[in-house]
């Protein structure tokens, strides 16, 4: 079941990537299509996904009953970030590439891929997984996106300039979603459907954009970058296996639900934001495209392998 579910999800993923690649490679779409899609992602689809996630799941009742998941998720991310910082110093020299690698190691594709895997294999704890990932979303939109993907490397910025990074649609929708969720404000059905439909567009459009971006780069040159494979191996195998070992040492102090949520959040391939967001600001996405392609291909094997190990040890 695990293998077939993962294979089906990856087939869906790569179908859109291949479509985007073919559309761009054979020039069936305008030359500026990549820019248009990236803008739609950053100003509409991603903000809608963030808004929908927080306004539906950020409730007092659910959060108060799941504080252990939130605390554990926070502790896990605080351990992952220093480890990722150490790894990227070894794997990359320039600041921009380090930021891309750092984002990829700190935040996997726990949203699209993670949600799909958990809903298919562990439907009974899907809500708990969504609550667990709330901390990761907060890290992404308070630090990951504005500092690593949108910020300029090698440039000293004043505190005022740094605060400007938080003035973006994604952060605004996160705050609005928190406000609506905590207060349980009524949302008209048509607006709820609008947010849901727009948020659902994020992943397919991101796949198309990934394929379009890959079509414009020299794959032979990019796939020769050794650090891409090192980062992918760290993301897909080293980090989740280290987590499994650490959680097993903790024994009964850690619940099975938390273990599954934590492993799912770490075992997914590298996220697509490293392509979608920088491309909207005219930044180089060659390394990110190669990194995303390699990690998603390898994840067809590593995700089942990690869960087989987890199931055997549990």
C-alpha atoms as a PDB file:
ATOM      1  CA  UNK A   1       0.000   0.000   0.000  1.00  0.00           C
ATOM      2  CA  UNK A   2       2.803   2.402   0.918  1.00  0.00           C
ATOM      3  CA  UNK A   3       4.713   1.789  -2.290  1.00  0.00           C
ATOM      4  CA  UNK A   4       1.648   2.121  -4.543  1.00  0.00           C
ATOM      5  CA  UNK A   5       0.414   5.265  -2.783  1.00  0.00           C
ATOM      6  CA  UNK A   6       3.833   6.895  -3.064  1.00  0.00           C
ATOM      7  CA  UNK A   7       4.243   5.821  -6.682  1.00  0.00           C
ATOM      8  CA  UNK A   8       0.811   7.186  -7.597  1.00  0.00           C
ATOM      9  CA  UNK A   9       1.552  10.525  -5.967  1.00  0.00           C
ATOM     10  CA  UNK A  10       4.910  10.798  -7.698  1.00  0.00           C
ATOM     11  CA  UNK A  11       3.308   9.915 -11.038  1.00  0.00           C
ATOM     12  CA  UNK A  12       0.857  12.773 -10.512  1.00  0.00           C
ATOM     13  CA  UNK A  13       3.685  15.105  -9.553  1.00  0.00           C
ATOM     14  CA  UNK A  14       5.863  14.285 -12.529  1.00  0.00           C
ATOM     15  CA  UNK A  15       2.964  14.447 -14.961  1.00  0.00           C
ATOM     16  CA  UNK A  16       2.674  18.177 -14.344  1.00  0.00           C
ATOM     17  CA  UNK A  17       6.443  18.632 -14.400  1.00  0.00           C
ATOM     18  CA  UNK A  18       6.644  16.839 -17.767  1.00  0.00           C
ATOM     19  CA  UNK A  19       3.751  18.915 -19.116  1.00  0.00           C
ATOM     20  CA  UNK A  20       5.466  22.133 -18.083  1.00  0.00           C
ATOM     21  CA  UNK A  21       8.745  20.945 -19.554  1.00  0.00           C
ATOM     22  CA  UNK A  22       7.155  20.046 -22.911  1.00  0.00           C
ATOM     23  CA  UNK A  23       5.147  23.271 -23.127  1.00  0.00           C
ATOM     24  CA  UNK A  24       8.286  25.361 -22.631  1.00  0.00           C
ATOM     25  CA  UNK A  25      10.699  23.156 -24.589  1.00  0.00           C
ATOM     26  CA  UNK A  26       8.530  23.104 -27.716  1.00  0.00           C
ATOM     27  CA  UNK A  27       7.628  26.794 -27.310  1.00  0.00           C
ATOM     28  CA  UNK A  28       3.882  26.136 -27.112  1.00  0.00           C
ATOM     29  CA  UNK A  29       3.483  28.954 -24.592  1.00  0.00           C
ATOM     30  CA  UNK A  30       4.623  32.606 -24.555  1.00  0.00           C
ATOM     31  CA  UNK A  31       8.182  33.309 -23.404  1.00  0.00           C
ATOM     32  CA  UNK A  32       6.989  35.219 -20.325  1.00  0.00           C
ATOM     33  CA  UNK A  33       4.694  32.412 -19.102  1.00  0.00           C
ATOM     34  CA  UNK A  34       7.150  31.459 -16.367  1.00  0.00           C
ATOM     35  CA  UNK A  35       7.085  34.984 -14.949  1.00  0.00           C
ATOM     36  CA  UNK A  36       3.284  35.117 -15.079  1.00  0.00           C
ATOM     37  CA  UNK A  37       2.865  31.796 -13.290  1.00  0.00           C
ATOM     38  CA  UNK A  38       5.413  32.672 -10.624  1.00  0.00           C
ATOM     39  CA  UNK A  39       3.596  35.933  -9.943  1.00  0.00           C
ATOM     40  CA  UNK A  40       0.272  34.108  -9.688  1.00  0.00           C
ATOM     41  CA  UNK A  41       1.850  31.683  -7.230  1.00  0.00           C
ATOM     42  CA  UNK A  42       3.296  34.393  -5.002  1.00  0.00           C
ATOM     43  CA  UNK A  43       0.381  36.806  -5.072  1.00  0.00           C
ATOM     44  CA  UNK A  44      -2.604  34.470  -5.264  1.00  0.00           C
ATOM     45  CA  UNK A  45      -2.197  30.698  -4.967  1.00  0.00           C
ATOM     46  CA  UNK A  46       0.336  30.412  -2.108  1.00  0.00           C
ATOM     47  CA  UNK A  47      -1.348  33.158  -0.028  1.00  0.00           C
ATOM     48  CA  UNK A  48      -4.696  31.400  -0.537  1.00  0.00           C
ATOM     49  CA  UNK A  49      -3.213  28.089   0.632  1.00  0.00           C
ATOM     50  CA  UNK A  50      -1.746  29.757   3.721  1.00  0.00           C
ATOM     51  CA  UNK A  51      -4.995  31.590   4.480  1.00  0.00           C
ATOM     52  CA  UNK A  52      -7.086  28.440   4.131  1.00  0.00           C
ATOM     53  CA  UNK A  53      -4.740  26.359   6.293  1.00  0.00           C
ATOM     54  CA  UNK A  54      -4.692  28.795   9.191  1.00  0.00           C
ATOM     55  CA  UNK A  55      -8.327  29.877   9.170  1.00  0.00           C
ATOM     56  CA  UNK A  56      -9.488  26.249   9.175  1.00  0.00           C
ATOM     57  CA  UNK A  57      -7.023  24.707  11.637  1.00  0.00           C
ATOM     58  CA  UNK A  58      -5.780  27.533  13.857  1.00  0.00           C
ATOM     59  CA  UNK A  59      -8.446  27.181  16.574  1.00  0.00           C
ATOM     60  CA  UNK A  60      -8.117  27.499  20.339  1.00  0.00           C
ATOM     61  CA  UNK A  61      -9.703  24.118  21.010  1.00  0.00           C
ATOM     62  CA  UNK A  62      -7.560  22.150  18.583  1.00  0.00           C
ATOM     63  CA  UNK A  63      -4.348  23.915  19.520  1.00  0.00           C
ATOM     64  CA  UNK A  64      -4.919  23.610  23.275  1.00  0.00           C
ATOM     65  CA  UNK A  65      -5.497  19.855  22.957  1.00  0.00           C
ATOM     66  CA  UNK A  66      -2.439  19.412  20.755  1.00  0.00           C
ATOM     67  CA  UNK A  67       0.143  21.499  22.569  1.00  0.00           C
ATOM     68  CA  UNK A  68       2.527  18.530  22.757  1.00  0.00           C
ATOM     69  CA  UNK A  69       2.540  18.250  18.968  1.00  0.00           C
ATOM     70  CA  UNK A  70       3.222  21.957  18.630  1.00  0.00           C
ATOM     71  CA  UNK A  71       5.940  21.957  21.285  1.00  0.00           C
ATOM     72  CA  UNK A  72       7.557  18.885  19.758  1.00  0.00           C
ATOM     73  CA  UNK A  73       7.426  20.378  16.273  1.00  0.00           C
ATOM     74  CA  UNK A  74       9.047  23.577  17.546  1.00  0.00           C
ATOM     75  CA  UNK A  75      11.786  21.641  19.356  1.00  0.00           C
ATOM     76  CA  UNK A  76      12.438  19.513  16.275  1.00  0.00           C
ATOM     77  CA  UNK A  77      12.799  22.529  14.000  1.00  0.00           C
ATOM     78  CA  UNK A  78      15.118  24.236  16.483  1.00  0.00           C
ATOM     79  CA  UNK A  79      17.365  21.168  16.233  1.00  0.00           C
ATOM     80  CA  UNK A  80      17.116  20.880  12.444  1.00  0.00           C
ATOM     81  CA  UNK A  81      18.093  24.500  11.722  1.00  0.00           C
ATOM     82  CA  UNK A  82      21.572  24.397  13.395  1.00  0.00           C
ATOM     83  CA  UNK A  83      22.284  21.026  11.777  1.00  0.00           C
ATOM     84  CA  UNK A  84      21.251  22.410   8.392  1.00  0.00           C
ATOM     85  CA  UNK A  85      23.419  25.494   8.888  1.00  0.00           C
ATOM     86  CA  UNK A  86      26.426  23.273   9.521  1.00  0.00           C
ATOM     87  CA  UNK A  87      25.719  21.158   6.436  1.00  0.00           C
ATOM     88  CA  UNK A  88      25.281  24.059   4.003  1.00  0.00           C
ATOM     89  CA  UNK A  89      28.589  25.619   5.057  1.00  0.00           C
ATOM     90  CA  UNK A  90      30.264  22.485   3.776  1.00  0.00           C
ATOM     91  CA  UNK A  91      28.152  22.092   0.622  1.00  0.00           C
ATOM     92  CA  UNK A  92      28.080  25.644  -0.760  1.00  0.00           C
ATOM     93  CA  UNK A  93      30.381  28.640  -0.925  1.00  0.00           C
ATOM     94  CA  UNK A  94      28.242  31.534  -2.184  1.00  0.00           C
ATOM     95  CA  UNK A  95      25.533  33.026   0.007  1.00  0.00           C
ATOM     96  CA  UNK A  96      22.601  32.631  -2.375  1.00  0.00           C
ATOM     97  CA  UNK A  97      23.187  28.899  -2.936  1.00  0.00           C
ATOM     98  CA  UNK A  98      23.634  28.426   0.793  1.00  0.00           C
ATOM     99  CA  UNK A  99      20.251  30.037   1.379  1.00  0.00           C
ATOM    100  CA  UNK A 100      18.602  27.747  -1.180  1.00  0.00           C
ATOM    101  CA  UNK A 101      20.196  24.672   0.372  1.00  0.00           C
ATOM    102  CA  UNK A 102      19.379  25.868   3.883  1.00  0.00           C
ATOM    103  CA  UNK A 103      15.728  26.344   3.009  1.00  0.00           C
ATOM    104  CA  UNK A 104      15.626  22.912   1.390  1.00  0.00           C
ATOM    105  CA  UNK A 105      17.106  21.205   4.449  1.00  0.00           C
ATOM    106  CA  UNK A 106      14.967  23.087   6.962  1.00  0.00           C
ATOM    107  CA  UNK A 107      11.671  22.722   5.077  1.00  0.00           C
ATOM    108  CA  UNK A 108      10.782  19.705   2.986  1.00  0.00           C
ATOM    109  CA  UNK A 109       7.741  19.394   0.722  1.00  0.00           C
ATOM    110  CA  UNK A 110       5.739  18.548   3.858  1.00  0.00           C
ATOM    111  CA  UNK A 111       2.693  20.384   2.491  1.00  0.00           C
ATOM    112  CA  UNK A 112       1.800  18.919  -0.891  1.00  0.00           C
ATOM    113  CA  UNK A 113       3.661  15.607  -0.699  1.00  0.00           C
ATOM    114  CA  UNK A 114       3.327  15.262   3.074  1.00  0.00           C
ATOM    115  CA  UNK A 115      -0.407  15.907   3.092  1.00  0.00           C
ATOM    116  CA  UNK A 116      -0.940  13.411   0.280  1.00  0.00           C
ATOM    117  CA  UNK A 117       1.125  10.670   1.922  1.00  0.00           C
ATOM    118  CA  UNK A 118      -0.394  11.111   5.385  1.00  0.00           C
ATOM    119  CA  UNK A 119      -3.989  11.331   4.107  1.00  0.00           C
ATOM    120  CA  UNK A 120      -3.478   8.143   2.082  1.00  0.00           C
ATOM    121  CA  UNK A 121      -1.534   6.073   4.614  1.00  0.00           C
ATOM    122  CA  UNK A 122      -2.500   7.519   8.011  1.00  0.00           C
ATOM    123  CA  UNK A 123      -5.943   9.153   7.575  1.00  0.00           C
ATOM    124  CA  UNK A 124      -6.708   8.826  11.292  1.00  0.00           C
ATOM    125  CA  UNK A 125      -3.989  11.303  12.233  1.00  0.00           C
ATOM    126  CA  UNK A 126      -4.264  13.706   9.295  1.00  0.00           C
ATOM    127  CA  UNK A 127      -5.629  16.496  11.505  1.00  0.00           C
ATOM    128  CA  UNK A 128      -2.783  15.995  13.972  1.00  0.00           C
ATOM    129  CA  UNK A 129      -0.319  16.232  11.095  1.00  0.00           C
ATOM    130  CA  UNK A 130      -1.835  19.527   9.968  1.00  0.00           C
ATOM    131  CA  UNK A 131      -1.490  20.897  13.507  1.00  0.00           C
ATOM    132  CA  UNK A 132       2.092  19.602  13.713  1.00  0.00           C
ATOM    133  CA  UNK A 133       3.026  21.454  10.514  1.00  0.00           C
ATOM    134  CA  UNK A 134       1.577  24.771  11.707  1.00  0.00           C
ATOM    135  CA  UNK A 135       4.899  25.500  13.420  1.00  0.00           C
ATOM    136  CA  UNK A 136       6.717  24.788  10.166  1.00  0.00           C
ATOM    137  CA  UNK A 137       4.434  27.150   8.245  1.00  0.00           C
ATOM    138  CA  UNK A 138       5.153  29.874  10.803  1.00  0.00           C
ATOM    139  CA  UNK A 139       8.910  29.335  10.422  1.00  0.00           C
ATOM    140  CA  UNK A 140       8.560  29.424   6.638  1.00  0.00           C
ATOM    141  CA  UNK A 141       6.664  32.673   6.432  1.00  0.00           C
ATOM    142  CA  UNK A 142       8.455  34.459   9.252  1.00  0.00           C
ATOM    143  CA  UNK A 143      12.006  33.383   8.358  1.00  0.00           C
ATOM    144  CA  UNK A 144      12.342  30.965   5.448  1.00  0.00           C
ATOM    145  CA  UNK A 145      10.636  32.944   2.699  1.00  0.00           C
ATOM    146  CA  UNK A 146      11.501  36.553   3.645  1.00  0.00           C
ATOM    147  CA  UNK A 147      15.089  35.918   4.761  1.00  0.00           C
ATOM    148  CA  UNK A 148      16.301  32.960   2.691  1.00  0.00           C
ATOM    149  CA  UNK A 149      14.323  33.183  -0.555  1.00  0.00           C
ATOM    150  CA  UNK A 150      13.417  36.863  -0.852  1.00  0.00           C
ATOM    151  CA  UNK A 151      16.286  38.563   0.990  1.00  0.00           C
ATOM    152  CA  UNK A 152      19.478  39.744  -0.711  1.00  0.00           C
ATOM    153  CA  UNK A 153      22.690  37.976   0.261  1.00  0.00           C
ATOM    154  CA  UNK A 154      25.857  39.884   1.074  1.00  0.00           C
ATOM    155  CA  UNK A 155      23.938  43.092   1.699  1.00  0.00           C
ATOM    156  CA  UNK A 156      23.739  44.654   5.142  1.00  0.00           C
ATOM    157  CA  UNK A 157      20.218  45.755   5.877  1.00  0.00           C
ATOM    158  CA  UNK A 158      18.841  47.972   8.589  1.00  0.00           C
ATOM    159  CA  UNK A 159      16.181  46.620  10.976  1.00  0.00           C
ATOM    160  CA  UNK A 160      13.631  48.661   9.056  1.00  0.00           C
ATOM    161  CA  UNK A 161      14.609  47.005   5.783  1.00  0.00           C
ATOM    162  CA  UNK A 162      14.393  43.564   7.377  1.00  0.00           C
ATOM    163  CA  UNK A 163      10.894  44.310   8.615  1.00  0.00           C
ATOM    164  CA  UNK A 164       9.859  45.122   5.052  1.00  0.00           C
ATOM    165  CA  UNK A 165      10.341  41.442   4.187  1.00  0.00           C
ATOM    166  CA  UNK A 166       7.345  40.649   6.362  1.00  0.00           C
ATOM    167  CA  UNK A 167       5.110  42.916   4.271  1.00  0.00           C
ATOM    168  CA  UNK A 168       4.091  40.343   1.695  1.00  0.00           C
ATOM    169  CA  UNK A 169       0.861  38.532   0.737  1.00  0.00           C
ATOM    170  CA  UNK A 170       1.907  35.260   2.383  1.00  0.00           C
ATOM    171  CA  UNK A 171       2.620  36.801   5.784  1.00  0.00           C
ATOM    172  CA  UNK A 172      -0.507  38.934   5.576  1.00  0.00           C
ATOM    173  CA  UNK A 173      -2.672  35.901   4.829  1.00  0.00           C
ATOM    174  CA  UNK A 174      -1.060  33.949   7.648  1.00  0.00           C
ATOM    175  CA  UNK A 175      -1.931  36.670  10.169  1.00  0.00           C
ATOM    176  CA  UNK A 176      -5.437  37.023   8.729  1.00  0.00           C
ATOM    177  CA  UNK A 177      -5.923  33.248   8.845  1.00  0.00           C
ATOM    178  CA  UNK A 178      -4.795  33.121  12.477  1.00  0.00           C
ATOM    179  CA  UNK A 179      -7.202  35.929  13.336  1.00  0.00           C
ATOM    180  CA  UNK A 180     -10.139  34.221  11.632  1.00  0.00           C
ATOM    181  CA  UNK A 181      -9.264  30.812  13.075  1.00  0.00           C
ATOM    182  CA  UNK A 182      -8.775  31.876  16.692  1.00  0.00           C
ATOM    183  CA  UNK A 183     -11.939  33.993  16.780  1.00  0.00           C
ATOM    184  CA  UNK A 184     -13.868  31.495  14.635  1.00  0.00           C
ATOM    185  CA  UNK A 185     -15.190  34.297  12.494  1.00  0.00           C
ATOM    186  CA  UNK A 186     -17.849  33.196  10.010  1.00  0.00           C
ATOM    187  CA  UNK A 187     -16.658  33.077   6.409  1.00  0.00           C
ATOM    188  CA  UNK A 188     -19.219  33.165   3.588  1.00  0.00           C
ATOM    189  CA  UNK A 189     -19.398  29.926   1.637  1.00  0.00           C
ATOM    190  CA  UNK A 190     -18.395  31.559  -1.621  1.00  0.00           C
ATOM    191  CA  UNK A 191     -15.253  33.062  -0.031  1.00  0.00           C
ATOM    192  CA  UNK A 192     -14.344  29.769   1.608  1.00  0.00           C
ATOM    193  CA  UNK A 193     -14.714  28.014  -1.756  1.00  0.00           C
ATOM    194  CA  UNK A 194     -12.674  30.737  -3.446  1.00  0.00           C
ATOM    195  CA  UNK A 195      -9.813  30.355  -0.970  1.00  0.00           C
ATOM    196  CA  UNK A 196      -9.928  26.557  -1.205  1.00  0.00           C
ATOM    197  CA  UNK A 197      -9.957  26.474  -4.999  1.00  0.00           C
ATOM    198  CA  UNK A 198      -7.172  29.055  -5.293  1.00  0.00           C
ATOM    199  CA  UNK A 199      -5.072  27.179  -2.715  1.00  0.00           C
ATOM    200  CA  UNK A 200      -5.582  23.907  -4.584  1.00  0.00           C
ATOM    201  CA  UNK A 201      -4.030  25.531  -7.666  1.00  0.00           C
ATOM    202  CA  UNK A 202      -0.738  26.066  -5.855  1.00  0.00           C
ATOM    203  CA  UNK A 203       0.722  22.577  -6.293  1.00  0.00           C
ATOM    204  CA  UNK A 204      -0.234  21.902  -9.948  1.00  0.00           C
ATOM    205  CA  UNK A 205       0.948  25.352 -11.016  1.00  0.00           C
ATOM    206  CA  UNK A 206       4.157  24.886  -9.020  1.00  0.00           C
ATOM    207  CA  UNK A 207       4.748  21.605 -10.877  1.00  0.00           C
ATOM    208  CA  UNK A 208       4.170  23.270 -14.241  1.00  0.00           C
ATOM    209  CA  UNK A 209       6.517  26.085 -13.256  1.00  0.00           C
ATOM    210  CA  UNK A 210       9.131  23.540 -12.188  1.00  0.00           C
ATOM    211  CA  UNK A 211       8.965  21.826 -15.577  1.00  0.00           C
ATOM    212  CA  UNK A 212       9.105  25.149 -17.424  1.00  0.00           C
ATOM    213  CA  UNK A 213      12.130  26.212 -15.391  1.00  0.00           C
ATOM    214  CA  UNK A 214      13.912  22.909 -15.977  1.00  0.00           C
ATOM    215  CA  UNK A 215      13.307  23.246 -19.736  1.00  0.00           C
ATOM    216  CA  UNK A 216      15.332  26.478 -19.801  1.00  0.00           C
ATOM    217  CA  UNK A 217      18.425  25.234 -17.998  1.00  0.00           C
ATOM    218  CA  UNK A 218      21.318  23.068 -19.055  1.00  0.00           C
ATOM    219  CA  UNK A 219      20.408  19.855 -17.240  1.00  0.00           C
ATOM    220  CA  UNK A 220      23.742  18.250 -18.028  1.00  0.00           C
ATOM    221  CA  UNK A 221      25.574  21.066 -16.300  1.00  0.00           C
ATOM    222  CA  UNK A 222      23.197  21.296 -13.343  1.00  0.00           C
ATOM    223  CA  UNK A 223      23.114  17.559 -12.683  1.00  0.00           C
ATOM    224  CA  UNK A 224      26.908  17.590 -12.481  1.00  0.00           C
ATOM    225  CA  UNK A 225      26.729  19.704  -9.310  1.00  0.00           C
ATOM    226  CA  UNK A 226      27.707  17.199  -6.618  1.00  0.00           C
ATOM    227  CA  UNK A 227      26.288  19.239  -3.764  1.00  0.00           C
ATOM    228  CA  UNK A 228      22.780  18.738  -5.157  1.00  0.00           C
ATOM    229  CA  UNK A 229      23.046  15.003  -4.475  1.00  0.00           C
ATOM    230  CA  UNK A 230      24.539  15.572  -1.031  1.00  0.00           C
ATOM    231  CA  UNK A 231      21.691  17.906  -0.018  1.00  0.00           C
ATOM    232  CA  UNK A 232      19.109  15.484  -1.440  1.00  0.00           C
ATOM    233  CA  UNK A 233      20.630  12.574   0.521  1.00  0.00           C
ATOM    234  CA  UNK A 234      20.612  14.627   3.716  1.00  0.00           C
ATOM    235  CA  UNK A 235      17.007  15.656   3.164  1.00  0.00           C
ATOM    236  CA  UNK A 236      15.650  12.248   2.161  1.00  0.00           C
ATOM    237  CA  UNK A 237      17.662   9.802   4.280  1.00  0.00           C
ATOM    238  CA  UNK A 238      20.053  11.250   6.859  1.00  0.00           C
ATOM    239  CA  UNK A 239      17.668  13.669   8.588  1.00  0.00           C
ATOM    240  CA  UNK A 240      14.670  11.283   8.878  1.00  0.00           C
ATOM    241  CA  UNK A 241      16.826   8.318   9.932  1.00  0.00           C
ATOM    242  CA  UNK A 242      18.587  10.423  12.591  1.00  0.00           C
ATOM    243  CA  UNK A 243      15.146  11.456  13.825  1.00  0.00           C
ATOM    244  CA  UNK A 244      13.944   7.848  13.995  1.00  0.00           C
ATOM    245  CA  UNK A 245      17.036   6.865  15.989  1.00  0.00           C
ATOM    246  CA  UNK A 246      16.595   9.775  18.389  1.00  0.00           C
ATOM    247  CA  UNK A 247      12.884   9.134  18.919  1.00  0.00           C
ATOM    248  CA  UNK A 248      13.452   5.455  19.572  1.00  0.00           C
ATOM    249  CA  UNK A 249      15.993   6.350  22.258  1.00  0.00           C
ATOM    250  CA  UNK A 250      13.288   8.472  23.881  1.00  0.00           C
ATOM    251  CA  UNK A 251      11.145   5.357  24.261  1.00  0.00           C
ATOM    252  CA  UNK A 252       7.548   5.649  25.447  1.00  0.00           C
ATOM    253  CA  UNK A 253       7.999   9.358  26.184  1.00  0.00           C
ATOM    254  CA  UNK A 254       7.134  10.070  22.536  1.00  0.00           C
ATOM    255  CA  UNK A 255       3.786   9.060  21.076  1.00  0.00           C
ATOM    256  CA  UNK A 256       3.436   7.056  17.878  1.00  0.00           C
ATOM    257  CA  UNK A 257       1.405   9.891  16.369  1.00  0.00           C
ATOM    258  CA  UNK A 258       4.209  12.379  16.950  1.00  0.00           C
ATOM    259  CA  UNK A 259       6.788   9.994  15.474  1.00  0.00           C
ATOM    260  CA  UNK A 260       4.760   9.540  12.275  1.00  0.00           C
ATOM    261  CA  UNK A 261       4.131  13.284  11.937  1.00  0.00           C
ATOM    262  CA  UNK A 262       7.785  14.121  12.526  1.00  0.00           C
ATOM    263  CA  UNK A 263       9.112  11.507  10.107  1.00  0.00           C
ATOM    264  CA  UNK A 264       6.636  12.593   7.418  1.00  0.00           C
ATOM    265  CA  UNK A 265       7.725  16.202   7.786  1.00  0.00           C
ATOM    266  CA  UNK A 266      11.400  15.272   7.315  1.00  0.00           C
ATOM    267  CA  UNK A 267      11.253  12.438   4.783  1.00  0.00           C
ATOM    268  CA  UNK A 268       9.566  14.381   1.993  1.00  0.00           C
ATOM    269  CA  UNK A 269      11.618  15.732  -0.969  1.00  0.00           C
ATOM    270  CA  UNK A 270      12.912  19.290  -1.213  1.00  0.00           C
ATOM    271  CA  UNK A 271      10.191  21.922  -1.407  1.00  0.00           C
ATOM    272  CA  UNK A 272       9.102  23.799  -4.509  1.00  0.00           C
ATOM    273  CA  UNK A 273       9.269  27.254  -2.934  1.00  0.00           C
ATOM    274  CA  UNK A 274      12.976  27.382  -3.805  1.00  0.00           C
ATOM    275  CA  UNK A 275      11.878  27.641  -7.451  1.00  0.00           C
ATOM    276  CA  UNK A 276       8.541  29.421  -7.261  1.00  0.00           C
ATOM    277  CA  UNK A 277       9.488  32.374  -5.072  1.00  0.00           C
ATOM    278  CA  UNK A 278      13.001  33.272  -6.357  1.00  0.00           C
ATOM    279  CA  UNK A 279      11.788  33.064  -9.979  1.00  0.00           C
ATOM    280  CA  UNK A 280       9.199  35.738  -9.244  1.00  0.00           C
ATOM    281  CA  UNK A 281      12.054  38.088  -8.279  1.00  0.00           C
ATOM    282  CA  UNK A 282      14.232  37.289 -11.285  1.00  0.00           C
ATOM    283  CA  UNK A 283      16.732  35.190  -9.324  1.00  0.00           C
ATOM    284  CA  UNK A 284      18.700  32.203 -10.614  1.00  0.00           C
ATOM    285  CA  UNK A 285      16.742  28.963 -10.138  1.00  0.00           C
ATOM    286  CA  UNK A 286      19.081  26.508 -11.881  1.00  0.00           C
ATOM    287  CA  UNK A 287      20.437  24.914  -8.707  1.00  0.00           C
ATOM    288  CA  UNK A 288      16.990  24.842  -7.109  1.00  0.00           C
ATOM    289  CA  UNK A 289      15.486  23.183 -10.205  1.00  0.00           C
ATOM    290  CA  UNK A 290      18.176  20.500 -10.277  1.00  0.00           C
ATOM    291  CA  UNK A 291      17.852  19.977  -6.531  1.00  0.00           C
ATOM    292  CA  UNK A 292      14.067  19.634  -6.773  1.00  0.00           C
ATOM    293  CA  UNK A 293      14.234  17.271  -9.730  1.00  0.00           C
ATOM    294  CA  UNK A 294      16.829  14.979  -8.140  1.00  0.00           C
ATOM    295  CA  UNK A 295      15.145  14.855  -4.728  1.00  0.00           C
ATOM    296  CA  UNK A 296      11.696  14.088  -6.142  1.00  0.00           C
ATOM    297  CA  UNK A 297      13.053  11.282  -8.333  1.00  0.00           C
ATOM    298  CA  UNK A 298      14.965   9.707  -5.451  1.00  0.00           C
ATOM    299  CA  UNK A 299      12.007  10.115  -3.069  1.00  0.00           C
ATOM    300  CA  UNK A 300      10.133   7.404  -4.982  1.00  0.00           C
ATOM    301  CA  UNK A 301      12.591   4.985  -3.374  1.00  0.00           C
ATOM    302  CA  UNK A 302      13.551   6.724  -0.127  1.00  0.00           C
ATOM    303  CA  UNK A 303      10.035   7.474   1.201  1.00  0.00           C
ATOM    304  CA  UNK A 304       8.932   3.802   1.118  1.00  0.00           C
ATOM    305  CA  UNK A 305      12.340   2.783   2.507  1.00  0.00           C
ATOM    306  CA  UNK A 306      12.119   5.205   5.450  1.00  0.00           C
ATOM    307  CA  UNK A 307       8.607   4.063   6.322  1.00  0.00           C
ATOM    308  CA  UNK A 308       9.595   0.404   6.055  1.00  0.00           C
ATOM    309  CA  UNK A 309      12.395   1.079   8.560  1.00  0.00           C
ATOM    310  CA  UNK A 310      10.001   3.017  10.787  1.00  0.00           C
ATOM    311  CA  UNK A 311       7.363   0.276  10.666  1.00  0.00           C
ATOM    312  CA  UNK A 312       9.926  -2.411  11.445  1.00  0.00           C
ATOM    313  CA  UNK A 313      11.324  -0.547  14.448  1.00  0.00           C
ATOM    314  CA  UNK A 314       7.921   0.429  15.824  1.00  0.00           C
END
